[in-house]
Structures are given as C-alpha cells and as structure tokens.
Amino acid sequence: MNIGICGGTFDPFHRGHLDPILAVRERMQWSRVIYVPAWKQPFKTDREHVSGYHRFAMAVLATEDYDDMFVSPMELERGAVSYTVDTLEVLRRMYPDATLDWIIGDDNLADLGKWKNIERIFELARFVVLTRSGAKVSIPGRAIVFAPNATVPVSSTEIRRRIRAGEPIEELVHSRVAHYIQHNYLYREAQT
C-alpha cells in the first residue's frame, strides 16, 4: 500500500492543497492520501491561526468528495509544535508495511536541513515533491521523488487578504469551504 501524507497549517484549506495531489495521486499509486493539519508548524510559530477545529473542518469539507482522502487530527490532538518526524513515527506504527510518501512543495526543499531529525524522516518515508516555484534541489542518496504538476497560483495568505478586503474567494477554495468561512466569520480580522 502506498500512502501520500500532506501536512500543513491549511489556514484556510484551498485548491493549492488539493488540485496538485489529485493530479499526481494515480501516477504515485496512492491508495489513500492523509491530510494532517498542524497544531503549529515549527517555521510558522510567529503567527496566530484560526482554531484547529476550523482548519480540520475546512480540510474535511474540501476532501469529502474523495473516498481515498482522509483528514487526521493527530497533530491537533497532540497540542504541541508539529514535527514531521513525530507524525511519521505514529503513521509508521499504524501502517508498518506501507510506503509512506511525505508530500511537500518544491519551495520547501531548501529548508529540509532545518527539519527536526531529518535523517530519521528519510528512514520513515520518502519525500514526494510537487511543483510550485520550479526550483530543483538535488539531495544525493535521498529518497525524493519529483512529481511535476500544474501549479495552482493560490496561497492562504492571499485568501485571508481577500476576505479582509471583501473580495471573492470562490475560485480559490471549494464552495463548501467558502460557505464555512463566511458562516463562521473567519479571517475578517487582520491578525488571522
């Protein structure tokens, strides 16, 4: 069994979190994709996020049309800074015989050396790198697979800006996510 795992803040969950994975999941032969919303990412500790409950709910709403996509609350339930190595240790115990693919954008490659216990991460999983910026970084002898895909020009930062400015976001997020954001009055204040 091959499992794709995508961690992130998902604040909010948008097309850039879903469409690239849909584009490569068959090629990567993933029998399931697991999204793991972070309680707090180690490289984003300086910014407040909407609650984990809301971020989890938006991810579920955006993926509910797909029987092979799941959203795990494990990092939110842990309630501490979310480190990939800790999450992969749990998933390795859950799926001892599976191939685990940790999905990242190519804009994250340059910072891999800063990740907690990167050597152990490479023992637990291989990285599947999706196209974002077009950057190519070679890491000799490492389990990294490049999965080119069409870039989706969207960011959570831009979506939050649009919401504060009263601009439409419907083309950037699933309609259920847009409705959820509106219904719960999310991202209307500058600090979120």
Protein backbone atom coordinates (compact mmCIF):
# COMPACT_ATOMS: atom_id res chain seq x y z
CA MET A 1 0.00 0.00 0.00
CA ASN A 2 1.25 3.48 -0.90
CA ILE A 3 0.07 6.36 1.26
CA GLY A 4 0.53 10.04 0.48
CA ILE A 5 0.70 12.31 3.51
CA CYS A 6 0.31 16.07 3.35
CA GLY A 7 0.94 18.15 6.44
CA GLY A 8 0.33 21.86 6.76
CA THR A 9 -1.43 24.64 8.54
CA PHE A 10 -4.30 24.71 5.98
CA ASP A 11 -5.33 28.18 7.12
CA PRO A 12 -7.56 28.01 5.10
CA PHE A 13 -7.59 24.82 3.03
CA HIS A 14 -7.58 25.78 -0.67
CA ARG A 15 -7.28 24.42 -4.22
CA GLY A 16 -3.49 24.51 -3.99
CA HIS A 17 -3.69 21.92 -1.23
CA LEU A 18 -5.92 19.60 -3.26
CA ASP A 19 -5.57 20.01 -7.03
CA PRO A 20 -1.83 19.15 -7.31
CA ILE A 21 -2.34 16.00 -5.25
CA LEU A 22 -5.31 14.97 -7.38
CA ALA A 23 -3.09 15.48 -10.44
CA VAL A 24 -0.39 13.06 -9.26
CA ARG A 25 -2.15 10.54 -6.99
CA GLU A 26 -2.72 7.96 -9.73
CA ARG A 27 0.85 8.27 -11.01
CA MET A 28 2.13 7.85 -7.43
CA GLN A 29 -0.25 4.90 -6.90
CA TRP A 30 -1.51 6.19 -3.58
CA SER A 31 -4.28 4.02 -2.21
CA ARG A 32 -5.03 6.83 0.23
CA VAL A 33 -4.00 10.39 0.95
CA ILE A 34 -3.94 11.64 4.53
CA TYR A 35 -4.01 15.36 5.30
CA VAL A 36 -2.57 16.25 8.70
CA PRO A 37 -3.40 19.77 9.91
CA ALA A 38 -0.63 21.05 12.16
CA TRP A 39 -1.33 22.35 15.64
CA LYS A 40 1.50 24.80 14.99
CA GLN A 41 4.24 24.48 12.39
CA PRO A 42 7.80 24.98 13.66
CA PHE A 43 8.56 27.54 10.94
CA LYS A 44 5.31 29.49 11.50
CA THR A 45 5.26 29.96 15.26
CA ASP A 46 5.08 33.75 14.97
CA ARG A 47 1.55 33.85 13.54
CA GLU A 48 -1.78 33.03 15.09
CA HIS A 49 -4.09 30.72 13.19
CA VAL A 50 -7.79 30.09 13.37
CA SER A 51 -8.55 27.19 15.69
CA GLY A 52 -7.52 23.68 14.79
CA TYR A 53 -11.20 22.77 14.85
CA HIS A 54 -11.94 25.18 11.98
CA ARG A 55 -8.87 24.18 9.96
CA PHE A 56 -9.72 20.49 10.40
CA ALA A 57 -13.35 21.11 9.38
CA MET A 58 -12.33 23.01 6.23
CA ALA A 59 -9.99 20.18 5.18
CA VAL A 60 -12.76 17.63 5.69
CA LEU A 61 -15.23 19.73 3.69
CA ALA A 62 -12.77 20.15 0.81
CA THR A 63 -11.91 16.44 0.58
CA GLU A 64 -15.22 14.76 1.35
CA ASP A 65 -15.93 14.01 -2.33
CA TYR A 66 -12.97 11.60 -2.44
CA ASP A 67 -13.19 8.15 -0.84
CA ASP A 68 -9.40 7.82 -0.74
CA MET A 69 -8.72 11.10 1.09
CA PHE A 70 -8.74 11.43 4.85
CA VAL A 71 -8.01 14.16 7.37
CA SER A 72 -6.24 13.14 10.56
CA PRO A 73 -6.50 15.16 13.78
CA MET A 74 -3.34 13.57 15.28
CA GLU A 75 -1.22 16.74 15.37
CA LEU A 76 -4.12 18.85 16.64
CA GLU A 77 -4.80 16.33 19.39
CA ARG A 78 -1.11 16.28 20.33
CA GLY A 79 -1.36 20.01 21.04
CA ALA A 80 2.30 20.85 20.61
CA VAL A 81 4.52 22.18 17.84
CA SER A 82 4.00 19.73 14.97
CA TYR A 83 7.14 17.96 13.82
CA THR A 84 7.03 15.73 10.75
CA VAL A 85 9.23 13.10 12.40
CA ASP A 86 6.74 12.63 15.26
CA THR A 87 3.81 12.27 12.88
CA LEU A 88 5.68 9.80 10.69
CA GLU A 89 6.62 7.69 13.72
CA VAL A 90 2.90 7.34 14.52
CA LEU A 91 1.96 6.61 10.90
CA ARG A 92 4.75 4.03 10.56
CA ARG A 93 3.31 2.16 13.56
CA MET A 94 -0.19 2.39 12.06
CA TYR A 95 0.95 1.23 8.60
CA PRO A 96 4.09 -0.88 9.16
CA ASP A 97 4.15 -2.35 5.65
CA ALA A 98 3.09 0.71 3.66
CA THR A 99 5.22 3.02 1.57
CA LEU A 100 4.82 6.42 3.19
CA ASP A 101 5.24 9.47 0.96
CA TRP A 102 5.53 12.86 2.69
CA ILE A 103 4.24 15.42 0.18
CA ILE A 104 5.85 18.87 0.02
CA GLY A 105 6.08 21.73 -2.43
CA ASP A 106 9.43 22.32 -4.10
CA ASP A 107 9.66 25.64 -2.27
CA ASN A 108 10.28 23.63 0.93
CA LEU A 109 13.29 21.69 -0.36
CA ALA A 110 15.92 24.26 0.55
CA ASP A 111 14.89 24.12 4.22
CA LEU A 112 14.96 20.32 4.68
CA GLY A 113 18.22 20.56 6.58
CA LYS A 114 16.40 22.59 9.27
CA TRP A 115 13.75 19.92 9.87
CA LYS A 116 13.87 18.12 13.22
CA ASN A 117 15.62 14.75 12.89
CA ILE A 118 15.71 14.81 9.08
CA GLU A 119 17.78 11.60 8.97
CA ARG A 120 15.02 9.70 10.76
CA ILE A 121 12.41 11.23 8.44
CA PHE A 122 14.26 9.79 5.45
CA GLU A 123 14.21 6.37 7.17
CA LEU A 124 10.46 6.57 7.74
CA ALA A 125 9.29 7.97 4.40
CA ARG A 126 10.30 9.31 1.06
CA PHE A 127 9.59 12.87 0.01
CA VAL A 128 7.30 13.50 -2.95
CA VAL A 129 7.96 16.99 -4.22
CA LEU A 130 5.19 18.81 -6.06
CA THR A 131 5.93 21.65 -8.43
CA ARG A 132 5.36 25.13 -7.08
CA SER A 133 8.20 27.50 -7.79
CA GLY A 134 10.05 25.34 -10.32
CA ALA A 135 13.08 25.09 -8.02
CA LYS A 136 15.20 21.96 -8.30
CA VAL A 137 17.40 20.96 -5.41
CA SER A 138 19.49 17.82 -5.57
CA ILE A 139 19.96 15.84 -2.38
CA PRO A 140 22.23 12.90 -3.30
CA GLY A 141 21.28 9.50 -1.98
CA ARG A 142 17.96 10.62 -0.58
CA ALA A 143 14.50 9.21 -1.20
CA ILE A 144 12.99 12.12 -3.09
CA VAL A 145 10.56 11.79 -5.97
CA PHE A 146 9.69 14.79 -8.10
CA ALA A 147 6.06 14.73 -9.25
CA PRO A 148 5.59 17.58 -11.72
CA ASN A 149 2.10 19.01 -11.85
CA ALA A 150 0.31 22.14 -12.94
CA THR A 151 0.91 24.93 -10.46
CA VAL A 152 -2.16 26.36 -8.74
CA PRO A 153 -1.46 30.07 -8.17
CA VAL A 154 -3.10 30.45 -4.77
CA SER A 155 -1.93 30.95 -1.21
CA SER A 156 -3.64 31.01 2.16
CA THR A 157 -2.15 34.47 2.74
CA GLU A 158 -3.85 35.80 -0.41
CA ILE A 159 -7.17 34.22 0.56
CA ARG A 160 -7.06 35.80 4.03
CA ARG A 161 -6.22 39.17 2.44
CA ARG A 162 -9.15 38.87 0.04
CA ILE A 163 -11.56 38.04 2.84
CA ARG A 164 -10.45 41.08 4.87
CA ALA A 165 -10.85 43.24 1.73
CA GLY A 166 -14.31 41.82 0.98
CA GLU A 167 -13.12 40.28 -2.30
CA PRO A 168 -14.41 36.95 -3.67
CA ILE A 169 -12.57 33.69 -2.89
CA GLU A 170 -14.87 31.16 -4.54
CA GLU A 171 -12.42 30.29 -7.35
CA LEU A 172 -9.64 29.63 -4.81
CA VAL A 173 -11.42 27.31 -2.36
CA HIS A 174 -14.10 24.64 -2.55
CA SER A 175 -17.60 26.12 -2.35
CA ARG A 176 -18.21 24.30 0.95
CA VAL A 177 -15.06 25.89 2.39
CA ALA A 178 -16.11 29.36 1.18
CA HIS A 179 -19.52 28.88 2.81
CA TYR A 180 -17.90 27.63 6.04
CA ILE A 181 -15.59 30.66 6.19
CA GLN A 182 -18.49 33.04 5.63
CA HIS A 183 -20.82 31.24 8.06
CA ASN A 184 -18.19 31.26 10.84
CA TYR A 185 -16.92 34.82 10.15
CA LEU A 186 -13.34 33.58 9.74
CA TYR A 187 -10.37 35.74 8.69
CA ARG A 188 -12.16 39.07 8.97
CA GLU A 189 -9.64 40.48 11.42
CA ALA A 190 -6.10 41.41 10.38
CA GLN A 191 -4.41 39.07 12.87
CA THR A 192 -5.84 35.87 11.32
